[in-house]
Amino acid sequence: MGETRRKWMMVGGVALLASTSLACLTPRAGDDVEVTRAELAGVLGSWEGGDDARVAAAGEHYVELRSSGAEGALMAGLRLDDGLSSLATDREHHFEDGRGAGMLGCAGPSEGYWEFDSYADEVTVEVEQVDERTRRVWLSAAWSDGSGVIASFDYTPTVE
């Protein structure tokens, strides 16, 4: 088993503890990045997820994470207008109303059967340097109905 890290994140004014195991999942490569680890948990509408997180799509400007479990399935798609590499490390980046970044959240009884499908009102992104090339991205997103997700992933640029 790998090392586990924990980090407090704010989602819709509520502090949640994000736990990240450093055990790697199957890497997912886009045209310009490789995502090697993913975590996704939260509640969207009446659906809760947090088990079996994986990367469904990865690129410099869009990363999609999915998780499924006994309580349902979640999907979180992060869009960054200026790309992952534009984010400074060791500081929080706040985005509201889709300006500069957006998060599409979907949830339902299983993947592809989404009963919740909405863009987040607020997205917070924090980036830390893991090693010379790899960065860890911590995300939180909040919706006006009280829904929220926390997520993280590691990425390495594949082009210089």
C-alpha atoms as a PDB file:
ATOM      1  CA  MET A   1       0.000   0.000   0.000  1.00  0.00           C
ATOM      2  CA  GLY A   2       1.207   3.511  -0.753  1.00  0.00           C
ATOM      3  CA  GLU A   3       1.488   6.547   1.464  1.00  0.00           C
ATOM      4  CA  THR A   4      -1.773   8.379   2.272  1.00  0.00           C
ATOM      5  CA  ARG A   5      -2.063  12.193   2.375  1.00  0.00           C
ATOM      6  CA  ARG A   6      -4.912  14.193   3.806  1.00  0.00           C
ATOM      7  CA  LYS A   7      -5.852  17.797   3.077  1.00  0.00           C
ATOM      8  CA  TRP A   8      -8.747  19.959   4.277  1.00  0.00           C
ATOM      9  CA  MET A   9     -10.733  21.555   1.452  1.00  0.00           C
ATOM     10  CA  MET A  10     -13.720  23.901   1.501  1.00  0.00           C
ATOM     11  CA  VAL A  11     -16.766  22.840  -0.536  1.00  0.00           C
ATOM     12  CA  GLY A  12     -19.794  25.107  -0.408  1.00  0.00           C
ATOM     13  CA  GLY A  13     -18.637  26.598   2.895  1.00  0.00           C
ATOM     14  CA  VAL A  14     -18.173  23.164   4.482  1.00  0.00           C
ATOM     15  CA  ALA A  15     -14.735  21.779   5.330  1.00  0.00           C
ATOM     16  CA  LEU A  16     -14.172  18.270   3.972  1.00  0.00           C
ATOM     17  CA  LEU A  17     -11.152  16.060   4.516  1.00  0.00           C
ATOM     18  CA  ALA A  18      -9.700  14.836   1.227  1.00  0.00           C
ATOM     19  CA  SER A  19      -7.702  11.650   1.558  1.00  0.00           C
ATOM     20  CA  THR A  20      -5.309  10.666  -1.175  1.00  0.00           C
ATOM     21  CA  SER A  21      -3.587   7.326  -1.482  1.00  0.00           C
ATOM     22  CA  LEU A  22      -0.424   7.468  -3.530  1.00  0.00           C
ATOM     23  CA  ALA A  23      -1.041   4.015  -4.986  1.00  0.00           C
ATOM     24  CA  CYS A  24      -1.161   4.523  -8.753  1.00  0.00           C
ATOM     25  CA  LEU A  25      -4.055   3.658 -10.974  1.00  0.00           C
ATOM     26  CA  THR A  26      -3.710   2.871 -14.664  1.00  0.00           C
ATOM     27  CA  PRO A  27      -2.229   5.987 -16.288  1.00  0.00           C
ATOM     28  CA  ARG A  28      -4.385   7.858 -18.787  1.00  0.00           C
ATOM     29  CA  ALA A  29      -2.530   9.897 -21.394  1.00  0.00           C
ATOM     30  CA  GLY A  30      -3.933  12.734 -23.450  1.00  0.00           C
ATOM     31  CA  ASP A  31      -2.178  14.461 -26.306  1.00  0.00           C
ATOM     32  CA  ASP A  32      -0.155  16.589 -23.920  1.00  0.00           C
ATOM     33  CA  VAL A  33      -0.414  15.182 -20.368  1.00  0.00           C
ATOM     34  CA  GLU A  34      -0.385  11.869 -18.543  1.00  0.00           C
ATOM     35  CA  VAL A  35      -2.580  11.501 -15.465  1.00  0.00           C
ATOM     36  CA  THR A  36      -1.287   8.762 -13.158  1.00  0.00           C
ATOM     37  CA  ARG A  37      -3.546   8.895 -10.089  1.00  0.00           C
ATOM     38  CA  ALA A  38      -7.080  10.068  -9.342  1.00  0.00           C
ATOM     39  CA  GLU A  39      -9.459  10.567  -6.418  1.00  0.00           C
ATOM     40  CA  LEU A  40     -13.081  11.768  -6.577  1.00  0.00           C
ATOM     41  CA  ALA A  41     -15.659  11.924  -3.801  1.00  0.00           C
ATOM     42  CA  GLY A  42     -18.719  13.938  -2.943  1.00  0.00           C
ATOM     43  CA  VAL A  43     -22.462  14.304  -3.207  1.00  0.00           C
ATOM     44  CA  LEU A  44     -24.239  15.588  -6.317  1.00  0.00           C
ATOM     45  CA  GLY A  45     -27.981  15.923  -5.885  1.00  0.00           C
ATOM     46  CA  SER A  46     -29.094  12.787  -4.068  1.00  0.00           C
ATOM     47  CA  TRP A  47     -26.155  10.692  -5.319  1.00  0.00           C
ATOM     48  CA  GLU A  48     -22.941   9.938  -3.461  1.00  0.00           C
ATOM     49  CA  GLY A  49     -19.742   8.484  -4.846  1.00  0.00           C
ATOM     50  CA  GLY A  50     -16.164   8.010  -3.870  1.00  0.00           C
ATOM     51  CA  ASP A  51     -15.049   4.455  -4.549  1.00  0.00           C
ATOM     52  CA  ASP A  52     -13.103   3.207  -7.545  1.00  0.00           C
ATOM     53  CA  ALA A  53     -11.970   6.611  -8.905  1.00  0.00           C
ATOM     54  CA  ARG A  54     -10.416   6.668 -12.355  1.00  0.00           C
ATOM     55  CA  VAL A  55      -9.471   9.063 -15.133  1.00  0.00           C
ATOM     56  CA  ALA A  56     -11.866   8.922 -18.086  1.00  0.00           C
ATOM     57  CA  ALA A  57     -10.206  11.647 -20.202  1.00  0.00           C
ATOM     58  CA  ALA A  58      -7.041  13.702 -19.849  1.00  0.00           C
ATOM     59  CA  GLY A  59      -5.602  16.699 -21.663  1.00  0.00           C
ATOM     60  CA  GLU A  60      -3.990  20.064 -20.948  1.00  0.00           C
ATOM     61  CA  HIS A  61      -7.385  21.830 -20.978  1.00  0.00           C
ATOM     62  CA  TYR A  62      -9.784  19.102 -19.768  1.00  0.00           C
ATOM     63  CA  VAL A  63      -9.608  16.270 -17.239  1.00  0.00           C
ATOM     64  CA  GLU A  64     -12.575  14.002 -16.528  1.00  0.00           C
ATOM     65  CA  LEU A  65     -12.688  11.868 -13.386  1.00  0.00           C
ATOM     66  CA  ARG A  66     -15.279   9.226 -12.556  1.00  0.00           C
ATOM     67  CA  SER A  67     -16.024   7.156  -9.478  1.00  0.00           C
ATOM     68  CA  SER A  68     -18.633   4.546  -8.780  1.00  0.00           C
ATOM     69  CA  GLY A  69     -19.746   2.572  -5.783  1.00  0.00           C
ATOM     70  CA  ALA A  70     -22.719   1.110  -3.982  1.00  0.00           C
ATOM     71  CA  GLU A  71     -24.266   4.572  -3.504  1.00  0.00           C
ATOM     72  CA  GLY A  72     -24.036   5.581  -7.185  1.00  0.00           C
ATOM     73  CA  ALA A  73     -21.648   7.063  -9.723  1.00  0.00           C
ATOM     74  CA  LEU A  74     -20.063  10.510 -10.049  1.00  0.00           C
ATOM     75  CA  MET A  75     -18.414  12.287 -12.962  1.00  0.00           C
ATOM     76  CA  ALA A  76     -16.461  15.536 -12.675  1.00  0.00           C
ATOM     77  CA  GLY A  77     -15.117  17.210 -15.798  1.00  0.00           C
ATOM     78  CA  LEU A  78     -12.656  20.057 -15.157  1.00  0.00           C
ATOM     79  CA  ARG A  79     -12.188  22.575 -17.968  1.00  0.00           C
ATOM     80  CA  LEU A  80      -9.313  25.073 -17.739  1.00  0.00           C
ATOM     81  CA  ASP A  81      -9.308  27.761 -20.441  1.00  0.00           C
ATOM     82  CA  ASP A  82      -5.568  28.454 -20.094  1.00  0.00           C
ATOM     83  CA  GLY A  83      -4.602  24.840 -19.347  1.00  0.00           C
ATOM     84  CA  LEU A  84      -3.073  22.979 -16.430  1.00  0.00           C
ATOM     85  CA  SER A  85       0.411  24.348 -17.057  1.00  0.00           C
ATOM     86  CA  SER A  86      -0.838  27.934 -16.558  1.00  0.00           C
ATOM     87  CA  LEU A  87      -1.631  27.334 -12.872  1.00  0.00           C
ATOM     88  CA  ALA A  88       0.971  28.522 -10.381  1.00  0.00           C
ATOM     89  CA  THR A  89       1.957  26.027  -7.688  1.00  0.00           C
ATOM     90  CA  ASP A  90       1.407  26.390  -3.934  1.00  0.00           C
ATOM     91  CA  ARG A  91      -1.559  28.736  -4.147  1.00  0.00           C
ATOM     92  CA  GLU A  92      -5.317  28.484  -4.561  1.00  0.00           C
ATOM     93  CA  HIS A  93      -7.008  29.505  -7.794  1.00  0.00           C
ATOM     94  CA  HIS A  94     -10.713  30.426  -7.460  1.00  0.00           C
ATOM     95  CA  PHE A  95     -13.118  30.398 -10.392  1.00  0.00           C
ATOM     96  CA  GLU A  96     -16.794  31.407 -10.399  1.00  0.00           C
ATOM     97  CA  ASP A  97     -19.592  31.215 -12.944  1.00  0.00           C
ATOM     98  CA  GLY A  98     -17.446  29.392 -15.520  1.00  0.00           C
ATOM     99  CA  ARG A  99     -14.968  32.250 -16.028  1.00  0.00           C
ATOM    100  CA  GLY A 100     -11.496  30.799 -16.698  1.00  0.00           C
ATOM    101  CA  ALA A 101     -12.480  27.316 -15.580  1.00  0.00           C
ATOM    102  CA  GLY A 102     -15.546  25.187 -15.088  1.00  0.00           C
ATOM    103  CA  MET A 103     -16.610  21.899 -13.574  1.00  0.00           C
ATOM    104  CA  LEU A 104     -19.369  19.759 -15.037  1.00  0.00           C
ATOM    105  CA  GLY A 105     -20.736  17.360 -12.447  1.00  0.00           C
ATOM    106  CA  CYS A 106     -22.916  14.358 -13.236  1.00  0.00           C
ATOM    107  CA  ALA A 107     -24.314  11.724 -10.890  1.00  0.00           C
ATOM    108  CA  GLY A 108     -26.758   8.859 -10.965  1.00  0.00           C
ATOM    109  CA  PRO A 109     -27.320   5.214 -10.108  1.00  0.00           C
ATOM    110  CA  SER A 110     -24.527   4.116 -12.491  1.00  0.00           C
ATOM    111  CA  GLU A 111     -22.216   5.598 -15.120  1.00  0.00           C
ATOM    112  CA  GLY A 112     -24.087   6.907 -18.123  1.00  0.00           C
ATOM    113  CA  TYR A 113     -27.428   7.080 -16.246  1.00  0.00           C
ATOM    114  CA  TRP A 114     -27.040  10.613 -14.942  1.00  0.00           C
ATOM    115  CA  GLU A 115     -29.874  12.150 -12.934  1.00  0.00           C
ATOM    116  CA  PHE A 116     -27.758  15.131 -11.835  1.00  0.00           C
ATOM    117  CA  ASP A 117     -26.087  17.062 -14.682  1.00  0.00           C
ATOM    118  CA  SER A 118     -25.004  20.612 -13.890  1.00  0.00           C
ATOM    119  CA  TYR A 119     -22.085  23.049 -13.917  1.00  0.00           C
ATOM    120  CA  ALA A 120     -20.584  24.080 -10.570  1.00  0.00           C
ATOM    121  CA  ASP A 121     -21.014  27.631  -9.320  1.00  0.00           C
ATOM    122  CA  GLU A 122     -17.554  27.719  -7.728  1.00  0.00           C
ATOM    123  CA  VAL A 123     -14.344  25.805  -8.456  1.00  0.00           C
ATOM    124  CA  THR A 124     -11.131  25.956  -6.421  1.00  0.00           C
ATOM    125  CA  VAL A 125      -7.907  24.479  -7.767  1.00  0.00           C
ATOM    126  CA  GLU A 126      -4.611  24.138  -5.908  1.00  0.00           C
ATOM    127  CA  VAL A 127      -1.454  22.768  -7.520  1.00  0.00           C
ATOM    128  CA  GLU A 128       1.657  21.426  -5.812  1.00  0.00           C
ATOM    129  CA  GLN A 129       4.911  20.218  -7.321  1.00  0.00           C
ATOM    130  CA  VAL A 130       5.392  16.493  -6.509  1.00  0.00           C
ATOM    131  CA  ASP A 131       8.732  16.023  -8.235  1.00  0.00           C
ATOM    132  CA  GLU A 132      10.696  17.664 -11.044  1.00  0.00           C
ATOM    133  CA  ARG A 133       8.005  16.994 -13.678  1.00  0.00           C
ATOM    134  CA  THR A 134       4.867  15.834 -11.836  1.00  0.00           C
ATOM    135  CA  ARG A 135       2.254  18.122 -10.324  1.00  0.00           C
ATOM    136  CA  ARG A 136      -0.657  17.239  -8.018  1.00  0.00           C
ATOM    137  CA  VAL A 137      -3.933  19.064  -8.585  1.00  0.00           C
ATOM    138  CA  TRP A 138      -6.450  19.361  -5.704  1.00  0.00           C
ATOM    139  CA  LEU A 139      -9.987  20.396  -6.678  1.00  0.00           C
ATOM    140  CA  SER A 140     -13.149  21.353  -4.903  1.00  0.00           C
ATOM    141  CA  ALA A 141     -16.386  22.395  -6.555  1.00  0.00           C
ATOM    142  CA  ALA A 142     -19.667  23.656  -5.103  1.00  0.00           C
ATOM    143  CA  TRP A 143     -23.175  23.922  -6.525  1.00  0.00           C
ATOM    144  CA  SER A 144     -25.931  26.282  -5.342  1.00  0.00           C
ATOM    145  CA  ASP A 145     -28.098  23.335  -4.177  1.00  0.00           C
ATOM    146  CA  GLY A 146     -25.443  22.338  -1.602  1.00  0.00           C
ATOM    147  CA  SER A 147     -23.867  19.640  -3.777  1.00  0.00           C
ATOM    148  CA  GLY A 148     -20.095  19.393  -3.820  1.00  0.00           C
ATOM    149  CA  VAL A 149     -17.133  17.274  -4.839  1.00  0.00           C
ATOM    150  CA  ILE A 150     -13.486  17.053  -3.924  1.00  0.00           C
ATOM    151  CA  ALA A 151     -10.934  15.482  -6.209  1.00  0.00           C
ATOM    152  CA  SER A 152      -7.260  15.221  -6.956  1.00  0.00           C
ATOM    153  CA  PHE A 153      -5.019  13.876  -9.655  1.00  0.00           C
ATOM    154  CA  ASP A 154      -1.338  13.854 -10.597  1.00  0.00           C
ATOM    155  CA  TYR A 155      -0.243  14.882 -14.055  1.00  0.00           C
ATOM    156  CA  THR A 156       2.969  15.034 -16.013  1.00  0.00           C
ATOM    157  CA  PRO A 157       3.285  17.036 -19.242  1.00  0.00           C
ATOM    158  CA  THR A 158       4.246  14.781 -22.157  1.00  0.00           C
ATOM    159  CA  VAL A 159       5.394  17.672 -24.369  1.00  0.00           C
ATOM    160  CA  GLU A 160       7.772  20.474 -23.486  1.00  0.00           C
END
